């Protein structure tokens, strides 16, 4: 069984962030050029991407880490999603997705905030969590739009998966406080979620991501000044050397009588 490229704690968020951006692009293309079960396919790929990139770190035996497992997983999730929606269990499907996305986001946040020093992968992880936050809010909007007809102006009353691309667009526009106005909330609960998303989006970038970058910068500066200043003569060349982390600084020694170069 062929293994996919190894996802580790050093690169998983780079992989996840790129994958999420590509999946959002695919969702827009499927909305522009409809294909049967297109949005179900997007949801299946998103779920398995999260499973491989976040949950898979906890269990390297996770079957979606293989190409065959990925194909089978996509087929199973597409089939289950289509069956749930064909049975009229739209709310069940959305609640399952919200629960899974929230769990994956929590696991990602634990890795970013509570494991080891801050590195570049964790800063990318903070951006990845930002993207996941937009998706979770989009699912809440879809749940409200499904339960309360006319909850949003500018949004057609369609099955939730047919509105996924439009609502994802609206969620990210709200999260980044752009607010174009082509879609707007009408129902009180929808308005509440909208302004809460805008508040979270502003403070997340201003506080959490900025703090992580500041901590990372401080660590780099501290590492640059914390050098070992212990010089020792090399017994073969007579030169003095000092090691700083993995860097060897070689300094010429004064020529002493009786020593040859």
C-alpha atoms as a PDB file:
ATOM      1  CA  UNK A   1       0.000   0.000   0.000  1.00  0.00           C
ATOM      2  CA  UNK A   2       1.620   3.257  -1.128  1.00  0.00           C
ATOM      3  CA  UNK A   3       2.231   5.821   1.572  1.00  0.00           C
ATOM      4  CA  UNK A   4       1.521   9.491   0.942  1.00  0.00           C
ATOM      5  CA  UNK A   5       4.186  12.087   1.685  1.00  0.00           C
ATOM      6  CA  UNK A   6       4.895  12.075   5.422  1.00  0.00           C
ATOM      7  CA  UNK A   7       3.034  14.722   7.399  1.00  0.00           C
ATOM      8  CA  UNK A   8       4.813  15.652  10.632  1.00  0.00           C
ATOM      9  CA  UNK A   9       4.599  18.320  13.312  1.00  0.00           C
ATOM     10  CA  UNK A  10       7.205  20.284  11.367  1.00  0.00           C
ATOM     11  CA  UNK A  11       5.163  20.703   8.181  1.00  0.00           C
ATOM     12  CA  UNK A  12       1.543  19.701   8.828  1.00  0.00           C
ATOM     13  CA  UNK A  13       0.152  23.249   8.947  1.00  0.00           C
ATOM     14  CA  UNK A  14       1.819  24.262   5.706  1.00  0.00           C
ATOM     15  CA  UNK A  15       0.213  21.212   4.121  1.00  0.00           C
ATOM     16  CA  UNK A  16      -3.171  21.959   5.713  1.00  0.00           C
ATOM     17  CA  UNK A  17      -3.249  25.649   4.812  1.00  0.00           C
ATOM     18  CA  UNK A  18      -2.382  25.042   1.166  1.00  0.00           C
ATOM     19  CA  UNK A  19      -4.914  22.206   1.015  1.00  0.00           C
ATOM     20  CA  UNK A  20      -7.706  24.337   2.506  1.00  0.00           C
ATOM     21  CA  UNK A  21      -7.072  27.159   0.051  1.00  0.00           C
ATOM     22  CA  UNK A  22      -7.144  24.690  -2.856  1.00  0.00           C
ATOM     23  CA  UNK A  23     -10.348  23.103  -1.536  1.00  0.00           C
ATOM     24  CA  UNK A  24     -12.035  26.510  -1.259  1.00  0.00           C
ATOM     25  CA  UNK A  25     -11.008  27.196  -4.856  1.00  0.00           C
ATOM     26  CA  UNK A  26     -12.442  23.830  -5.912  1.00  0.00           C
ATOM     27  CA  UNK A  27     -15.699  24.648  -4.090  1.00  0.00           C
ATOM     28  CA  UNK A  28     -15.951  27.890  -6.065  1.00  0.00           C
ATOM     29  CA  UNK A  29     -15.229  26.078  -9.345  1.00  0.00           C
ATOM     30  CA  UNK A  30     -17.851  23.424  -8.563  1.00  0.00           C
ATOM     31  CA  UNK A  31     -20.335  26.226  -7.857  1.00  0.00           C
ATOM     32  CA  UNK A  32     -19.411  27.896 -11.142  1.00  0.00           C
ATOM     33  CA  UNK A  33     -19.441  24.665 -13.169  1.00  0.00           C
ATOM     34  CA  UNK A  34     -21.842  22.302 -11.347  1.00  0.00           C
ATOM     35  CA  UNK A  35     -21.165  18.568 -11.349  1.00  0.00           C
ATOM     36  CA  UNK A  36     -23.185  15.801  -9.647  1.00  0.00           C
ATOM     37  CA  UNK A  37     -22.308  15.497  -5.946  1.00  0.00           C
ATOM     38  CA  UNK A  38     -19.674  18.209  -6.440  1.00  0.00           C
ATOM     39  CA  UNK A  39     -20.053  19.932  -3.060  1.00  0.00           C
ATOM     40  CA  UNK A  40     -20.262  16.570  -1.279  1.00  0.00           C
ATOM     41  CA  UNK A  41     -16.917  15.734  -2.870  1.00  0.00           C
ATOM     42  CA  UNK A  42     -15.458  19.017  -1.588  1.00  0.00           C
ATOM     43  CA  UNK A  43     -16.699  18.276   1.936  1.00  0.00           C
ATOM     44  CA  UNK A  44     -15.263  14.754   1.814  1.00  0.00           C
ATOM     45  CA  UNK A  45     -11.848  16.023   0.705  1.00  0.00           C
ATOM     46  CA  UNK A  46     -11.899  18.693   3.426  1.00  0.00           C
ATOM     47  CA  UNK A  47     -12.739  16.165   6.136  1.00  0.00           C
ATOM     48  CA  UNK A  48      -9.995  13.791   5.026  1.00  0.00           C
ATOM     49  CA  UNK A  49      -7.487  16.627   4.712  1.00  0.00           C
ATOM     50  CA  UNK A  50      -8.137  17.543   8.330  1.00  0.00           C
ATOM     51  CA  UNK A  51      -8.028  13.894   9.367  1.00  0.00           C
ATOM     52  CA  UNK A  52      -4.647  13.380   7.731  1.00  0.00           C
ATOM     53  CA  UNK A  53      -3.071  16.691   8.712  1.00  0.00           C
ATOM     54  CA  UNK A  54      -4.284  17.112  12.309  1.00  0.00           C
ATOM     55  CA  UNK A  55      -5.764  13.904  13.675  1.00  0.00           C
ATOM     56  CA  UNK A  56      -3.285  11.750  11.737  1.00  0.00           C
ATOM     57  CA  UNK A  57      -0.478  13.225  13.816  1.00  0.00           C
ATOM     58  CA  UNK A  58      -1.918  11.456  16.854  1.00  0.00           C
ATOM     59  CA  UNK A  59      -2.007   8.081  15.103  1.00  0.00           C
ATOM     60  CA  UNK A  60       0.441   7.494  12.270  1.00  0.00           C
ATOM     61  CA  UNK A  61      -1.477   4.331  11.386  1.00  0.00           C
ATOM     62  CA  UNK A  62      -4.472   6.408  10.255  1.00  0.00           C
ATOM     63  CA  UNK A  63      -5.611   4.848   7.004  1.00  0.00           C
ATOM     64  CA  UNK A  64      -6.115   8.140   5.136  1.00  0.00           C
ATOM     65  CA  UNK A  65      -2.320   8.491   5.169  1.00  0.00           C
ATOM     66  CA  UNK A  66      -2.263   6.126   2.185  1.00  0.00           C
ATOM     67  CA  UNK A  67      -3.430   6.922  -1.339  1.00  0.00           C
ATOM     68  CA  UNK A  68      -5.758   3.940  -1.378  1.00  0.00           C
ATOM     69  CA  UNK A  69      -7.167   4.943   2.011  1.00  0.00           C
ATOM     70  CA  UNK A  70      -7.747   8.490   0.759  1.00  0.00           C
ATOM     71  CA  UNK A  71      -9.711   7.289  -2.289  1.00  0.00           C
ATOM     72  CA  UNK A  72     -11.808   4.887  -0.202  1.00  0.00           C
ATOM     73  CA  UNK A  73     -12.365   7.546   2.455  1.00  0.00           C
ATOM     74  CA  UNK A  74     -13.582  10.102  -0.090  1.00  0.00           C
ATOM     75  CA  UNK A  75     -15.981   7.564  -1.600  1.00  0.00           C
ATOM     76  CA  UNK A  76     -17.377   6.565   1.813  1.00  0.00           C
ATOM     77  CA  UNK A  77     -17.869  10.149   3.036  1.00  0.00           C
ATOM     78  CA  UNK A  78     -19.465  11.266  -0.254  1.00  0.00           C
ATOM     79  CA  UNK A  79     -21.849   8.305  -0.073  1.00  0.00           C
ATOM     80  CA  UNK A  80     -22.754   8.920   3.572  1.00  0.00           C
ATOM     81  CA  UNK A  81     -23.264  12.641   2.984  1.00  0.00           C
ATOM     82  CA  UNK A  82     -25.466  12.004  -0.046  1.00  0.00           C
ATOM     83  CA  UNK A  83     -27.525   9.461   1.929  1.00  0.00           C
ATOM     84  CA  UNK A  84     -28.007  11.859   4.843  1.00  0.00           C
ATOM     85  CA  UNK A  85     -29.159  14.655   2.546  1.00  0.00           C
ATOM     86  CA  UNK A  86     -31.344  12.363   0.427  1.00  0.00           C
ATOM     87  CA  UNK A  87     -33.016  11.213   3.657  1.00  0.00           C
ATOM     88  CA  UNK A  88     -33.729  14.805   4.640  1.00  0.00           C
ATOM     89  CA  UNK A  89     -31.228  14.708   7.518  1.00  0.00           C
ATOM     90  CA  UNK A  90     -29.633  18.032   6.568  1.00  0.00           C
ATOM     91  CA  UNK A  91     -29.392  19.196  10.176  1.00  0.00           C
ATOM     92  CA  UNK A  92     -27.728  15.972  11.277  1.00  0.00           C
ATOM     93  CA  UNK A  93     -25.180  16.266   8.480  1.00  0.00           C
ATOM     94  CA  UNK A  94     -24.379  19.893   9.331  1.00  0.00           C
ATOM     95  CA  UNK A  95     -24.085  19.213  13.064  1.00  0.00           C
ATOM     96  CA  UNK A  96     -21.699  16.310  12.408  1.00  0.00           C
ATOM     97  CA  UNK A  97     -19.542  18.554  10.202  1.00  0.00           C
ATOM     98  CA  UNK A  98     -19.568  21.369  12.772  1.00  0.00           C
ATOM     99  CA  UNK A  99     -18.529  18.939  15.501  1.00  0.00           C
ATOM    100  CA  UNK A 100     -15.731  17.436  13.410  1.00  0.00           C
ATOM    101  CA  UNK A 101     -14.373  20.818  12.239  1.00  0.00           C
ATOM    102  CA  UNK A 102     -14.465  22.159  15.807  1.00  0.00           C
ATOM    103  CA  UNK A 103     -12.601  19.108  17.113  1.00  0.00           C
ATOM    104  CA  UNK A 104      -9.938  19.401  14.404  1.00  0.00           C
ATOM    105  CA  UNK A 105      -9.566  23.121  15.149  1.00  0.00           C
ATOM    106  CA  UNK A 106      -9.122  22.374  18.861  1.00  0.00           C
ATOM    107  CA  UNK A 107      -6.412  19.803  18.118  1.00  0.00           C
ATOM    108  CA  UNK A 108      -4.659  22.293  15.839  1.00  0.00           C
ATOM    109  CA  UNK A 109      -4.890  25.037  18.481  1.00  0.00           C
ATOM    110  CA  UNK A 110      -3.366  22.724  21.111  1.00  0.00           C
ATOM    111  CA  UNK A 111      -0.398  22.039  18.846  1.00  0.00           C
ATOM    112  CA  UNK A 112       0.084  25.738  18.074  1.00  0.00           C
ATOM    113  CA  UNK A 113      -0.306  27.080  21.619  1.00  0.00           C
ATOM    114  CA  UNK A 114       0.731  24.328  24.016  1.00  0.00           C
ATOM    115  CA  UNK A 115       3.534  22.266  22.463  1.00  0.00           C
ATOM    116  CA  UNK A 116       7.148  23.375  22.375  1.00  0.00           C
ATOM    117  CA  UNK A 117       8.675  26.593  21.046  1.00  0.00           C
ATOM    118  CA  UNK A 118       7.044  28.745  18.380  1.00  0.00           C
ATOM    119  CA  UNK A 119       8.357  27.991  14.884  1.00  0.00           C
ATOM    120  CA  UNK A 120       7.352  28.895  11.333  1.00  0.00           C
ATOM    121  CA  UNK A 121       5.004  25.909  11.079  1.00  0.00           C
ATOM    122  CA  UNK A 122       3.060  27.062  14.137  1.00  0.00           C
ATOM    123  CA  UNK A 123       2.681  30.578  12.755  1.00  0.00           C
ATOM    124  CA  UNK A 124       1.273  29.054   9.569  1.00  0.00           C
ATOM    125  CA  UNK A 125      -0.871  26.921  11.901  1.00  0.00           C
ATOM    126  CA  UNK A 126      -2.409  30.078  13.365  1.00  0.00           C
ATOM    127  CA  UNK A 127      -3.409  31.107   9.830  1.00  0.00           C
ATOM    128  CA  UNK A 128      -4.780  27.603   9.250  1.00  0.00           C
ATOM    129  CA  UNK A 129      -6.954  27.925  12.378  1.00  0.00           C
ATOM    130  CA  UNK A 130      -8.165  31.273  11.035  1.00  0.00           C
ATOM    131  CA  UNK A 131      -9.308  29.551   7.827  1.00  0.00           C
ATOM    132  CA  UNK A 132     -10.975  26.754   9.812  1.00  0.00           C
ATOM    133  CA  UNK A 133     -12.782  29.353  11.929  1.00  0.00           C
ATOM    134  CA  UNK A 134     -14.290  30.818   8.759  1.00  0.00           C
ATOM    135  CA  UNK A 135     -15.453  27.363   7.674  1.00  0.00           C
ATOM    136  CA  UNK A 136     -17.042  26.609  11.061  1.00  0.00           C
ATOM    137  CA  UNK A 137     -18.948  29.888  10.972  1.00  0.00           C
ATOM    138  CA  UNK A 138     -20.038  29.132   7.400  1.00  0.00           C
ATOM    139  CA  UNK A 139     -21.529  25.839   8.597  1.00  0.00           C
ATOM    140  CA  UNK A 140     -23.423  27.666  11.356  1.00  0.00           C
ATOM    141  CA  UNK A 141     -24.783  30.096   8.755  1.00  0.00           C
ATOM    142  CA  UNK A 142     -25.868  27.180   6.580  1.00  0.00           C
ATOM    143  CA  UNK A 143     -27.603  25.604   9.578  1.00  0.00           C
ATOM    144  CA  UNK A 144     -29.510  28.840  10.244  1.00  0.00           C
ATOM    145  CA  UNK A 145     -30.358  29.357   6.577  1.00  0.00           C
ATOM    146  CA  UNK A 146     -31.674  25.792   6.434  1.00  0.00           C
ATOM    147  CA  UNK A 147     -33.782  26.220   9.593  1.00  0.00           C
ATOM    148  CA  UNK A 148     -35.015  29.806   9.060  1.00  0.00           C
ATOM    149  CA  UNK A 149     -36.027  30.640   5.475  1.00  0.00           C
ATOM    150  CA  UNK A 150     -35.084  34.217   4.601  1.00  0.00           C
ATOM    151  CA  UNK A 151     -32.530  34.473   7.414  1.00  0.00           C
ATOM    152  CA  UNK A 152     -30.083  36.069   4.945  1.00  0.00           C
ATOM    153  CA  UNK A 153     -30.790  38.562   2.180  1.00  0.00           C
ATOM    154  CA  UNK A 154     -29.098  37.688  -1.099  1.00  0.00           C
ATOM    155  CA  UNK A 155     -29.027  33.964  -0.381  1.00  0.00           C
ATOM    156  CA  UNK A 156     -31.316  31.606  -2.266  1.00  0.00           C
ATOM    157  CA  UNK A 157     -33.333  29.048  -0.318  1.00  0.00           C
ATOM    158  CA  UNK A 158     -31.506  25.945  -1.540  1.00  0.00           C
ATOM    159  CA  UNK A 159     -30.201  22.772   0.127  1.00  0.00           C
ATOM    160  CA  UNK A 160     -27.210  23.699   2.276  1.00  0.00           C
ATOM    161  CA  UNK A 161     -24.588  22.025   0.083  1.00  0.00           C
ATOM    162  CA  UNK A 162     -25.693  24.097  -2.923  1.00  0.00           C
ATOM    163  CA  UNK A 163     -25.156  27.281  -0.902  1.00  0.00           C
ATOM    164  CA  UNK A 164     -21.797  26.192   0.534  1.00  0.00           C
ATOM    165  CA  UNK A 165     -19.612  28.287  -1.803  1.00  0.00           C
ATOM    166  CA  UNK A 166     -21.745  31.441  -1.395  1.00  0.00           C
ATOM    167  CA  UNK A 167     -21.913  31.134   2.391  1.00  0.00           C
ATOM    168  CA  UNK A 168     -18.169  30.398   2.656  1.00  0.00           C
ATOM    169  CA  UNK A 169     -17.519  33.581   0.679  1.00  0.00           C
ATOM    170  CA  UNK A 170     -19.827  35.511   3.017  1.00  0.00           C
ATOM    171  CA  UNK A 171     -18.179  34.028   6.112  1.00  0.00           C
ATOM    172  CA  UNK A 172     -14.669  35.066   5.075  1.00  0.00           C
ATOM    173  CA  UNK A 173     -15.862  38.509   4.017  1.00  0.00           C
ATOM    174  CA  UNK A 174     -17.335  38.880   7.512  1.00  0.00           C
ATOM    175  CA  UNK A 175     -14.307  37.373   9.297  1.00  0.00           C
ATOM    176  CA  UNK A 176     -12.024  39.900   7.611  1.00  0.00           C
ATOM    177  CA  UNK A 177     -14.588  42.720   8.157  1.00  0.00           C
ATOM    178  CA  UNK A 178     -14.776  43.574   4.444  1.00  0.00           C
ATOM    179  CA  UNK A 179     -18.586  43.575   4.411  1.00  0.00           C
ATOM    180  CA  UNK A 180     -19.489  43.982   0.722  1.00  0.00           C
ATOM    181  CA  UNK A 181     -23.220  43.860   1.489  1.00  0.00           C
ATOM    182  CA  UNK A 182     -24.347  41.528  -1.301  1.00  0.00           C
ATOM    183  CA  UNK A 183     -25.395  39.049   1.413  1.00  0.00           C
ATOM    184  CA  UNK A 184     -26.676  40.355   4.753  1.00  0.00           C
ATOM    185  CA  UNK A 185     -28.272  38.843   7.866  1.00  0.00           C
ATOM    186  CA  UNK A 186     -31.948  39.412   8.658  1.00  0.00           C
ATOM    187  CA  UNK A 187     -32.833  36.940  11.437  1.00  0.00           C
ATOM    188  CA  UNK A 188     -31.672  38.070  14.923  1.00  0.00           C
ATOM    189  CA  UNK A 189     -29.639  34.898  15.554  1.00  0.00           C
ATOM    190  CA  UNK A 190     -27.944  35.365  12.185  1.00  0.00           C
ATOM    191  CA  UNK A 191     -27.048  38.949  13.063  1.00  0.00           C
ATOM    192  CA  UNK A 192     -25.614  37.822  16.393  1.00  0.00           C
ATOM    193  CA  UNK A 193     -23.357  35.234  14.735  1.00  0.00           C
ATOM    194  CA  UNK A 194     -22.255  37.746  12.097  1.00  0.00           C
ATOM    195  CA  UNK A 195     -21.041  40.416  14.487  1.00  0.00           C
ATOM    196  CA  UNK A 196     -19.457  37.818  16.761  1.00  0.00           C
ATOM    197  CA  UNK A 197     -17.491  36.459  13.787  1.00  0.00           C
ATOM    198  CA  UNK A 198     -16.327  39.969  12.918  1.00  0.00           C
ATOM    199  CA  UNK A 199     -15.140  40.546  16.516  1.00  0.00           C
ATOM    200  CA  UNK A 200     -13.318  37.197  16.631  1.00  0.00           C
ATOM    201  CA  UNK A 201     -11.680  37.871  13.248  1.00  0.00           C
ATOM    202  CA  UNK A 202     -10.324  41.269  14.290  1.00  0.00           C
ATOM    203  CA  UNK A 203      -8.996  40.228  17.698  1.00  0.00           C
ATOM    204  CA  UNK A 204      -7.604  36.917  16.440  1.00  0.00           C
ATOM    205  CA  UNK A 205      -5.283  38.570  13.933  1.00  0.00           C
ATOM    206  CA  UNK A 206      -4.482  41.567  16.141  1.00  0.00           C
ATOM    207  CA  UNK A 207      -3.690  39.591  19.291  1.00  0.00           C
ATOM    208  CA  UNK A 208      -2.983  35.906  18.734  1.00  0.00           C
ATOM    209  CA  UNK A 209      -1.153  35.891  15.393  1.00  0.00           C
ATOM    210  CA  UNK A 210       0.737  39.105  16.208  1.00  0.00           C
ATOM    211  CA  UNK A 211       1.763  37.639  19.587  1.00  0.00           C
ATOM    212  CA  UNK A 212       3.010  34.409  18.015  1.00  0.00           C
ATOM    213  CA  UNK A 213       5.093  36.350  15.491  1.00  0.00           C
ATOM    214  CA  UNK A 214       6.470  38.537  18.309  1.00  0.00           C
ATOM    215  CA  UNK A 215       7.420  35.482  20.390  1.00  0.00           C
ATOM    216  CA  UNK A 216       9.096  33.867  17.382  1.00  0.00           C
ATOM    217  CA  UNK A 217      11.062  37.051  16.639  1.00  0.00           C
ATOM    218  CA  UNK A 218      12.190  37.311  20.273  1.00  0.00           C
ATOM    219  CA  UNK A 219      13.323  33.677  20.261  1.00  0.00           C
ATOM    220  CA  UNK A 220      15.386  34.234  17.110  1.00  0.00           C
ATOM    221  CA  UNK A 221      16.998  37.367  18.581  1.00  0.00           C
ATOM    222  CA  UNK A 222      17.722  35.612  21.884  1.00  0.00           C
ATOM    223  CA  UNK A 223      19.267  32.672  20.066  1.00  0.00           C
ATOM    224  CA  UNK A 224      21.463  35.050  18.068  1.00  0.00           C
ATOM    225  CA  UNK A 225      22.899  36.659  21.204  1.00  0.00           C
ATOM    226  CA  UNK A 226      23.223  33.488  23.282  1.00  0.00           C
ATOM    227  CA  UNK A 227      26.566  32.349  21.981  1.00  0.00           C
ATOM    228  CA  UNK A 228      29.174  30.157  23.620  1.00  0.00           C
ATOM    229  CA  UNK A 229      32.358  32.130  24.160  1.00  0.00           C
ATOM    230  CA  UNK A 230      34.663  29.268  25.087  1.00  0.00           C
ATOM    231  CA  UNK A 231      37.696  29.109  22.837  1.00  0.00           C
ATOM    232  CA  UNK A 232      39.792  25.959  22.732  1.00  0.00           C
ATOM    233  CA  UNK A 233      42.948  25.247  20.731  1.00  0.00           C
ATOM    234  CA  UNK A 234      42.705  22.543  18.099  1.00  0.00           C
ATOM    235  CA  UNK A 235      45.409  19.948  18.783  1.00  0.00           C
ATOM    236  CA  UNK A 236      46.084  19.427  15.057  1.00  0.00           C
ATOM    237  CA  UNK A 237      46.146  22.991  13.689  1.00  0.00           C
ATOM    238  CA  UNK A 238      46.727  25.135  16.769  1.00  0.00           C
ATOM    239  CA  UNK A 239      43.736  27.273  15.842  1.00  0.00           C
ATOM    240  CA  UNK A 240      41.184  28.402  18.408  1.00  0.00           C
ATOM    241  CA  UNK A 241      37.539  27.493  17.871  1.00  0.00           C
ATOM    242  CA  UNK A 242      34.214  28.174  19.573  1.00  0.00           C
ATOM    243  CA  UNK A 243      30.917  26.377  18.945  1.00  0.00           C
ATOM    244  CA  UNK A 244      27.564  28.167  18.976  1.00  0.00           C
ATOM    245  CA  UNK A 245      24.668  25.712  18.708  1.00  0.00           C
ATOM    246  CA  UNK A 246      25.548  23.846  15.525  1.00  0.00           C
ATOM    247  CA  UNK A 247      27.798  26.584  14.139  1.00  0.00           C
ATOM    248  CA  UNK A 248      31.551  26.237  14.502  1.00  0.00           C
ATOM    249  CA  UNK A 249      33.379  29.570  14.569  1.00  0.00           C
ATOM    250  CA  UNK A 250      37.011  29.134  13.632  1.00  0.00           C
ATOM    251  CA  UNK A 251      39.430  31.858  14.774  1.00  0.00           C
ATOM    252  CA  UNK A 252      43.125  31.952  13.783  1.00  0.00           C
ATOM    253  CA  UNK A 253      45.441  31.571  16.808  1.00  0.00           C
ATOM    254  CA  UNK A 254      48.617  33.522  17.303  1.00  0.00           C
ATOM    255  CA  UNK A 255      51.587  31.688  15.947  1.00  0.00           C
ATOM    256  CA  UNK A 256      53.633  30.349  18.819  1.00  0.00           C
ATOM    257  CA  UNK A 257      57.318  29.414  18.697  1.00  0.00           C
ATOM    258  CA  UNK A 258      57.792  25.838  17.634  1.00  0.00           C
ATOM    259  CA  UNK A 259      54.388  25.523  15.983  1.00  0.00           C
ATOM    260  CA  UNK A 260      54.174  24.978  12.287  1.00  0.00           C
ATOM    261  CA  UNK A 261      51.169  25.867  10.169  1.00  0.00           C
END
